[in-house]
Amino acid sequence: MSRSVSSLGDGPVPRFAVVGNPDNRRVAFFEEAVRVAGLPPARVVPWLQVLRGEAAFRPGESVRIDSPGEDAEVERLLRGVDDPTRVEGSARWYARFTAAVEAVAGAASTAGAELLGSPADLAVLFDKRLCHGLLGRAGVPVPASPTSGPGAAPVRGWSDVRELLREHRMPRAFVKLAHGSSAAGVLAVETAGPGRVRASTSVERDASGRLFNSLRVRRYTSEAEVGAVVDALAPDGLHIERWLPKASQRGRAADLRIVVVGGRATHAVVRTSLSPMTNLHLGGARGDLDEVRGAVAAAGGCWREALAMCERAAACFPGTSCVGVDLLPTAGWRRFAVGEVNAFGDLLPGLTGLPGSGAEGLDTYAAQVAAVLDRARNHRAVTAT
């Protein structure tokens, strides 16, 4: 079900344009949500048109920017590599992506269309160092990090990582690409003295030293191996944060993805894994949300406060209507921290809204369409008075 356009009364009906890859399932899910709401079909503006300077918008359109991922030609234009599985090129991707978003914003403004995602927000959301620092300054609990504070020095390679881990007493830490997504270029590093290092990661290194994304989490067990991977990643920029001991569910490490739409936590999914990375595409599995709520209550915590933490994180990005917040429960389910905030964190097929969220019965895409309809209805009510 979805909000019906019939609830708007008289006046122009919202029309959507979505910047995305036409054959991508994200675009298909959003198109279906628009159709079910009884609205005119969403107009798809391909990322290839944007990157070639050919994108155009129409007056009154609400413009949604969706992920440019999962298209080989778009990846080549953004990252400058011919193999979309390659890890390198994320700094180039970031520079070209943010420039493209600014171009979309300019074209939308010129046409009299409304952008649903702020370019300034997206620039921060796709730099883990900036995002982590902004959350911390806003009082949102985040894992400690030596790379996100004022005056943080750039990380030039493994020797810098090793020294920062020692200086900040982090025997276990996540080393991440500053501009990575979907766990690309993430290493869960454990140190236990000189030369005793191991790391879990989805990064695969071939004999020539090139790095590739893999769907299998592997473990490197020597400092030489870990150092070689980190040294290859470092030119694109690195972010380091303390590895918090996660809570578990049925013997598997667990965290949550919370989707926040229009400032409200609307959807939640538990992600569990036998590896430090709980991403569902890396072998993670959906867990039991009712068990999580029970565990939080049994530990003396408050589930509503955990959701409110995610809403505070989303509030740091006021120009963006929907984000996905990675919520990290510490061991015992007593406390939470925010690991990351994702601009395109809404791809959760089949998930419907939380009770009391206002999105009951709606998937993540339908909830976003409903939020635009509700805003249009409220605007008309205010204008009428």
Protein backbone atom coordinates (compact mmCIF):
# COMPACT_ATOMS: atom_id res chain seq x y z
CA MET A 1 0.00 0.00 0.00
CA SER A 2 1.04 3.65 -0.37
CA ARG A 3 -0.33 7.12 0.19
CA SER A 4 -2.82 7.89 -2.57
CA VAL A 5 -2.57 10.95 -4.76
CA SER A 6 -6.30 11.43 -4.15
CA SER A 7 -5.50 12.79 -0.68
CA LEU A 8 -3.90 15.89 -2.22
CA GLY A 9 -7.12 17.54 -3.29
CA ASP A 10 -6.96 20.23 -5.98
CA GLY A 11 -3.70 21.48 -7.37
CA PRO A 12 -0.75 20.14 -9.35
CA VAL A 13 0.22 16.52 -8.74
CA PRO A 14 3.88 15.88 -7.77
CA ARG A 15 6.02 14.61 -10.64
CA PHE A 16 9.28 12.79 -10.10
CA ALA A 17 12.49 12.60 -12.07
CA VAL A 18 15.07 10.09 -10.88
CA VAL A 19 18.75 10.30 -11.75
CA GLY A 20 19.82 6.67 -11.95
CA ASN A 21 20.82 3.79 -14.17
CA PRO A 22 17.67 2.82 -16.12
CA ASP A 23 18.08 -0.95 -15.77
CA ASN A 24 18.97 -0.83 -12.08
CA ARG A 25 16.60 -2.43 -9.56
CA ARG A 26 16.76 0.67 -7.36
CA VAL A 27 15.17 2.68 -10.15
CA ALA A 28 12.60 -0.08 -10.77
CA PHE A 29 11.58 -0.15 -7.09
CA PHE A 30 11.14 3.62 -7.04
CA GLU A 31 9.17 3.61 -10.30
CA GLU A 32 6.83 1.00 -8.82
CA ALA A 33 6.32 3.07 -5.66
CA VAL A 34 5.40 6.08 -7.78
CA ARG A 35 3.00 3.99 -9.87
CA VAL A 36 1.25 2.48 -6.83
CA ALA A 37 0.79 5.98 -5.38
CA GLY A 38 -1.22 6.89 -8.48
CA LEU A 39 1.27 9.47 -9.68
CA PRO A 40 2.51 10.11 -13.23
CA PRO A 41 5.38 7.76 -14.15
CA ALA A 42 8.76 8.79 -12.81
CA ARG A 43 10.98 10.16 -15.57
CA VAL A 44 14.40 8.48 -15.55
CA VAL A 45 17.43 10.68 -16.26
CA PRO A 46 20.33 8.27 -16.91
CA TRP A 47 23.63 8.81 -15.14
CA LEU A 48 25.33 8.55 -18.52
CA GLN A 49 23.46 11.65 -19.65
CA VAL A 50 24.49 13.49 -16.50
CA LEU A 51 28.16 12.56 -16.92
CA ARG A 52 28.09 13.64 -20.57
CA GLY A 53 26.52 17.00 -19.70
CA GLU A 54 23.22 16.15 -21.38
CA ALA A 55 20.82 15.98 -18.42
CA ALA A 56 17.76 18.24 -18.40
CA PHE A 57 14.88 18.67 -15.96
CA ARG A 58 11.39 20.11 -16.14
CA PRO A 59 9.66 22.79 -14.08
CA GLY A 60 8.05 21.46 -10.92
CA GLU A 61 9.78 18.07 -10.92
CA SER A 62 10.98 16.54 -7.66
CA VAL A 63 14.44 15.21 -8.56
CA ARG A 64 15.69 12.11 -6.77
CA ILE A 65 19.39 11.26 -7.08
CA ASP A 66 19.96 7.52 -6.89
CA SER A 67 23.09 5.40 -6.84
CA PRO A 68 25.32 5.42 -9.95
CA GLY A 69 26.52 1.89 -9.12
CA GLU A 70 26.17 -1.39 -11.01
CA ASP A 71 26.78 0.05 -14.48
CA ALA A 72 30.17 -0.66 -16.05
CA GLU A 73 30.26 2.41 -18.32
CA VAL A 74 29.19 4.77 -15.54
CA GLU A 75 31.85 3.23 -13.26
CA ARG A 76 34.47 3.73 -15.99
CA LEU A 77 33.58 7.40 -16.35
CA LEU A 78 33.55 7.98 -12.59
CA ARG A 79 36.54 5.90 -11.47
CA GLY A 80 38.66 5.75 -14.60
CA VAL A 81 39.06 1.95 -14.57
CA ASP A 82 37.83 -0.52 -17.17
CA ASP A 83 37.12 -3.33 -14.69
CA PRO A 84 34.22 -2.42 -12.36
CA THR A 85 35.47 -4.93 -9.77
CA ARG A 86 38.68 -2.94 -9.23
CA VAL A 87 38.95 -1.21 -5.85
CA GLU A 88 41.27 1.62 -6.86
CA GLY A 89 39.91 4.93 -8.08
CA SER A 90 37.58 5.90 -5.24
CA ALA A 91 39.12 9.37 -4.83
CA ARG A 92 38.60 10.05 -8.54
CA TRP A 93 35.07 8.61 -8.21
CA TYR A 94 34.33 11.03 -5.36
CA ALA A 95 35.61 14.07 -7.24
CA ARG A 96 33.64 13.24 -10.38
CA PHE A 97 30.50 12.19 -8.51
CA THR A 98 30.30 15.34 -6.41
CA ALA A 99 30.94 17.49 -9.50
CA ALA A 100 28.13 15.63 -11.30
CA VAL A 101 25.75 16.19 -8.38
CA GLU A 102 26.54 19.91 -8.47
CA ALA A 103 25.75 19.88 -12.19
CA VAL A 104 22.42 18.15 -11.49
CA ALA A 105 21.63 20.77 -8.85
CA GLY A 106 22.43 23.58 -11.26
CA ALA A 107 20.31 22.10 -14.05
CA ALA A 108 17.42 21.44 -11.68
CA SER A 109 17.53 24.99 -10.31
CA THR A 110 17.63 26.49 -13.79
CA ALA A 111 14.60 24.43 -14.81
CA GLY A 112 12.61 25.23 -11.66
CA ALA A 113 12.80 21.66 -10.35
CA GLU A 114 13.36 20.67 -6.71
CA LEU A 115 16.32 18.50 -5.72
CA LEU A 116 15.56 15.94 -2.97
CA GLY A 117 19.21 15.51 -2.00
CA SER A 118 21.56 18.33 -1.03
CA PRO A 119 24.92 18.38 -2.88
CA ALA A 120 26.60 19.62 0.30
CA ASP A 121 25.12 16.70 2.27
CA LEU A 122 26.19 14.16 -0.35
CA ALA A 123 29.74 15.53 -0.32
CA VAL A 124 29.94 14.82 3.42
CA LEU A 125 28.07 11.50 3.30
CA PHE A 126 30.58 10.15 0.77
CA ASP A 127 33.62 11.15 2.81
CA LYS A 128 33.74 8.94 5.91
CA ARG A 129 36.19 11.28 7.63
CA LEU A 130 33.93 14.31 7.21
CA CYS A 131 30.79 12.35 8.08
CA HIS A 132 32.33 10.85 11.23
CA GLY A 133 33.57 14.24 12.37
CA LEU A 134 30.20 15.94 11.76
CA LEU A 135 28.34 13.26 13.72
CA GLY A 136 30.77 13.53 16.63
CA ARG A 137 30.45 17.31 16.80
CA ALA A 138 26.66 16.93 16.84
CA GLY A 139 26.87 14.68 19.90
CA VAL A 140 25.99 11.47 18.07
CA PRO A 141 27.95 8.55 19.60
CA VAL A 142 30.48 7.22 17.07
CA PRO A 143 33.51 4.92 17.37
CA ALA A 144 36.70 6.76 18.27
CA SER A 145 38.73 7.80 15.23
CA PRO A 146 42.16 9.41 14.75
CA THR A 147 41.35 10.50 11.18
CA SER A 148 38.19 12.59 11.53
CA GLY A 149 39.09 15.31 14.01
CA PRO A 150 40.41 18.83 13.35
CA GLY A 151 43.93 18.78 11.98
CA ALA A 152 43.99 15.02 11.42
CA ALA A 153 47.01 14.11 9.32
CA PRO A 154 46.54 12.18 6.06
CA VAL A 155 47.24 8.46 6.21
CA ARG A 156 49.94 7.72 3.64
CA GLY A 157 50.19 3.96 4.12
CA TRP A 158 50.54 1.03 6.49
CA SER A 159 53.32 2.60 8.57
CA ASP A 160 51.00 5.54 9.39
CA VAL A 161 48.14 3.18 10.19
CA ARG A 162 50.38 1.09 12.46
CA GLU A 163 51.57 4.19 14.31
CA LEU A 164 48.05 5.60 14.76
CA LEU A 165 46.78 2.28 16.10
CA ARG A 166 49.64 2.22 18.60
CA GLU A 167 49.29 5.88 19.58
CA HIS A 168 45.54 5.65 20.12
CA ARG A 169 45.67 2.21 21.74
CA MET A 170 43.53 0.51 19.13
CA PRO A 171 44.59 -3.12 18.88
CA ARG A 172 41.46 -3.73 16.80
CA ALA A 173 40.27 -1.19 14.23
CA PHE A 174 38.48 -0.82 10.95
CA VAL A 175 40.55 0.70 8.16
CA LYS A 176 38.25 2.03 5.43
CA LEU A 177 38.50 3.83 2.13
CA ALA A 178 37.42 7.41 2.81
CA HIS A 179 35.10 7.30 -0.21
CA GLY A 180 34.21 3.61 -0.28
CA SER A 181 30.78 2.02 -0.08
CA SER A 182 29.30 -1.46 0.34
CA ALA A 183 32.34 -2.52 2.39
CA ALA A 184 34.64 -1.99 -0.61
CA GLY A 185 38.18 -1.50 0.64
CA VAL A 186 37.31 -2.16 4.30
CA LEU A 187 39.75 -4.11 6.50
CA ALA A 188 38.97 -5.30 10.02
CA VAL A 189 42.50 -5.21 11.45
CA GLU A 190 43.74 -6.93 14.60
CA THR A 191 47.22 -6.36 16.03
CA ALA A 192 48.87 -8.20 18.88
CA GLY A 193 52.44 -6.99 18.98
CA PRO A 194 55.22 -6.41 16.44
CA GLY A 195 54.69 -8.45 13.30
CA ARG A 196 51.49 -10.05 14.62
CA VAL A 197 48.76 -8.68 12.39
CA ARG A 198 45.73 -10.13 10.66
CA ALA A 199 42.85 -8.60 8.74
CA SER A 200 39.46 -9.69 7.44
CA THR A 201 38.39 -8.03 4.19
CA SER A 202 36.60 -8.53 0.89
CA VAL A 203 39.62 -7.07 -0.95
CA GLU A 204 41.46 -9.54 -3.16
CA ARG A 205 45.03 -8.72 -4.23
CA ASP A 206 46.41 -10.37 -7.36
CA ALA A 207 50.03 -11.21 -8.14
CA SER A 208 50.61 -7.80 -9.77
CA GLY A 209 49.39 -5.96 -6.67
CA ARG A 210 46.06 -4.84 -8.16
CA LEU A 211 43.06 -4.86 -5.82
CA PHE A 212 39.62 -6.29 -6.59
CA ASN A 213 36.30 -6.37 -4.78
CA SER A 214 35.15 -9.87 -3.94
CA LEU A 215 31.93 -11.32 -2.59
CA ARG A 216 33.97 -13.52 -0.26
CA VAL A 217 35.47 -12.26 3.00
CA ARG A 218 39.05 -13.50 3.27
CA ARG A 219 41.71 -13.24 5.96
CA TYR A 220 45.27 -11.99 5.57
CA THR A 221 47.45 -13.31 8.37
CA SER A 222 50.80 -11.56 8.00
CA GLU A 223 51.83 -7.93 8.43
CA ALA A 224 53.42 -7.98 4.98
CA GLU A 225 50.11 -8.97 3.34
CA VAL A 226 48.03 -6.47 5.32
CA GLY A 227 50.57 -3.70 4.74
CA ALA A 228 50.62 -4.30 0.99
CA VAL A 229 46.83 -3.98 0.77
CA VAL A 230 46.75 -0.83 2.92
CA ASP A 231 49.60 0.76 0.96
CA ALA A 232 47.69 0.16 -2.28
CA LEU A 233 44.50 1.68 -0.84
CA ALA A 234 46.12 4.71 0.82
CA PRO A 235 46.45 7.00 -2.24
CA ASP A 236 42.64 7.17 -2.40
CA GLY A 237 42.38 8.29 1.26
CA LEU A 238 41.83 6.25 4.40
CA HIS A 239 39.63 6.50 7.49
CA ILE A 240 40.36 4.61 10.71
CA GLU A 241 37.97 3.92 13.57
CA ARG A 242 37.96 1.78 16.68
CA TRP A 243 36.49 -1.70 16.21
CA LEU A 244 33.70 -1.85 18.76
CA PRO A 245 32.83 -5.33 20.08
CA LYS A 246 29.40 -5.95 18.59
CA ALA A 247 26.45 -7.64 20.19
CA SER A 248 25.55 -11.06 18.86
CA GLN A 249 22.38 -12.86 17.84
CA ARG A 250 22.37 -16.67 17.75
CA GLY A 251 26.15 -16.76 17.72
CA ARG A 252 26.59 -14.25 14.90
CA ALA A 253 27.84 -10.65 15.08
CA ALA A 254 24.91 -8.28 14.67
CA ASP A 255 24.21 -4.67 13.77
CA LEU A 256 21.29 -2.80 12.23
CA ARG A 257 20.48 -0.67 9.21
CA ILE A 258 17.91 1.97 10.13
CA VAL A 259 16.29 3.94 7.32
CA VAL A 260 15.26 7.48 8.25
CA VAL A 261 12.74 9.21 5.96
CA GLY A 262 11.72 12.80 6.51
CA GLY A 263 13.40 12.82 9.91
CA ARG A 264 11.66 9.68 11.23
CA ALA A 265 13.12 6.20 11.64
CA THR A 266 10.78 4.22 9.40
CA HIS A 267 12.49 0.87 8.67
CA ALA A 268 14.94 -1.39 10.49
CA VAL A 269 16.73 -4.57 9.50
CA VAL A 270 19.06 -6.68 11.61
CA ARG A 271 22.21 -7.82 9.81
CA THR A 272 24.15 -10.79 11.17
CA SER A 273 27.38 -12.42 10.06
CA LEU A 274 30.15 -14.80 11.05
CA SER A 275 32.66 -12.21 9.81
CA PRO A 276 33.26 -8.65 11.05
CA MET A 277 31.44 -7.30 7.96
CA THR A 278 27.68 -7.76 8.22
CA ASN A 279 26.84 -6.47 4.73
CA LEU A 280 24.16 -8.71 3.29
CA HIS A 281 25.90 -9.02 -0.10
CA LEU A 282 28.99 -10.44 1.65
CA GLY A 283 27.17 -13.40 3.13
CA GLY A 284 25.39 -11.61 5.95
CA ALA A 285 21.85 -12.66 6.79
CA ARG A 286 18.84 -10.80 8.10
CA GLY A 287 18.28 -11.37 11.80
CA ASP A 288 15.25 -11.17 14.08
CA LEU A 289 14.18 -7.63 14.98
CA ASP A 290 11.82 -8.76 17.73
CA GLU A 291 14.73 -10.58 19.39
CA VAL A 292 16.76 -7.37 19.23
CA ARG A 293 14.03 -5.34 20.89
CA GLY A 294 13.73 -7.99 23.58
CA ALA A 295 17.49 -8.07 24.15
CA VAL A 296 17.65 -4.28 24.43
CA ALA A 297 14.83 -4.25 26.98
CA ALA A 298 16.39 -7.12 28.97
CA ALA A 299 19.68 -5.19 29.13
CA GLY A 300 17.90 -2.14 30.55
CA GLY A 301 18.12 -0.17 27.32
CA CYS A 302 15.48 1.65 25.30
CA TRP A 303 14.74 0.74 21.68
CA ARG A 304 13.07 4.10 21.07
CA GLU A 305 16.25 5.87 22.22
CA ALA A 306 18.28 3.82 19.75
CA LEU A 307 15.98 4.94 16.94
CA ALA A 308 16.19 8.53 18.19
CA MET A 309 19.99 8.31 17.90
CA CYS A 310 19.56 7.44 14.22
CA GLU A 311 17.17 10.35 13.77
CA ARG A 312 19.75 12.70 15.31
CA ALA A 313 22.34 11.35 12.89
CA ALA A 314 19.99 11.95 9.95
CA ALA A 315 19.29 15.48 11.21
CA CYS A 316 22.95 16.30 10.48
CA PHE A 317 21.94 16.15 6.79
CA PRO A 318 18.85 18.38 6.64
CA GLY A 319 18.87 18.71 2.87
CA THR A 320 18.57 14.96 2.28
CA SER A 321 15.16 13.34 2.65
CA CYS A 322 16.30 9.73 3.21
CA VAL A 323 19.43 8.12 4.66
CA GLY A 324 20.37 4.68 5.92
CA VAL A 325 22.06 4.68 9.32
CA ASP A 326 24.32 1.82 10.39
CA LEU A 327 23.58 1.33 14.08
CA LEU A 328 26.22 -0.59 16.05
CA PRO A 329 25.06 -2.34 19.25
CA THR A 330 27.85 -3.00 21.71
CA ALA A 331 28.21 -6.37 23.39
CA GLY A 332 25.26 -7.06 25.68
CA TRP A 333 22.89 -4.74 23.77
CA ARG A 334 23.27 -2.01 26.41
CA ARG A 335 24.65 0.80 24.27
CA PHE A 336 24.71 1.88 20.63
CA ALA A 337 26.88 3.95 18.32
CA VAL A 338 26.47 5.11 14.74
CA GLY A 339 28.99 3.56 12.38
CA GLU A 340 28.07 5.27 9.13
CA VAL A 341 25.29 7.22 7.42
CA ASN A 342 24.55 6.11 3.86
CA ALA A 343 23.06 8.31 1.17
CA PHE A 344 21.82 5.27 -0.76
CA GLY A 345 21.01 3.02 2.18
CA ASP A 346 17.41 2.26 1.27
CA LEU A 347 17.82 -0.89 -0.87
CA LEU A 348 16.04 -3.33 1.45
CA PRO A 349 13.57 -5.30 -0.68
CA GLY A 350 10.48 -6.61 1.06
CA LEU A 351 11.01 -4.61 4.26
CA THR A 352 7.98 -2.69 5.53
CA GLY A 353 7.73 0.18 7.98
CA LEU A 354 8.12 -0.03 11.75
CA PRO A 355 5.00 0.12 13.95
CA GLY A 356 4.24 3.71 14.87
CA SER A 357 6.60 5.11 12.24
CA GLY A 358 3.87 6.35 9.91
CA ALA A 359 5.24 4.00 7.24
CA GLU A 360 3.43 0.83 8.27
CA GLY A 361 2.82 -1.35 5.23
CA LEU A 362 5.16 0.73 3.06
CA ASP A 363 8.55 -0.31 1.73
CA THR A 364 11.44 2.16 1.83
CA TYR A 365 10.65 3.61 -1.58
CA ALA A 366 6.92 3.96 -0.99
CA ALA A 367 7.71 5.72 2.30
CA GLN A 368 9.79 8.29 0.45
CA VAL A 369 7.06 8.90 -2.11
CA ALA A 370 4.54 9.22 0.74
CA ALA A 371 6.76 11.78 2.47
CA VAL A 372 6.77 13.97 -0.64
CA LEU A 373 2.97 13.65 -0.92
CA ASP A 374 2.53 14.52 2.76
CA ARG A 375 4.75 17.55 2.38
CA ALA A 376 2.78 18.71 -0.69
CA ARG A 377 -0.50 18.25 1.17
CA ASN A 378 0.79 20.19 4.21
CA HIS A 379 2.12 22.97 1.98
CA ARG A 380 -1.29 23.33 0.35
CA ALA A 381 -3.00 23.41 3.72
CA VAL A 382 -0.72 26.18 4.92
CA THR A 383 -1.14 28.12 1.67
CA ALA A 384 -4.92 27.80 1.92
CA THR A 385 -4.93 29.42 5.35
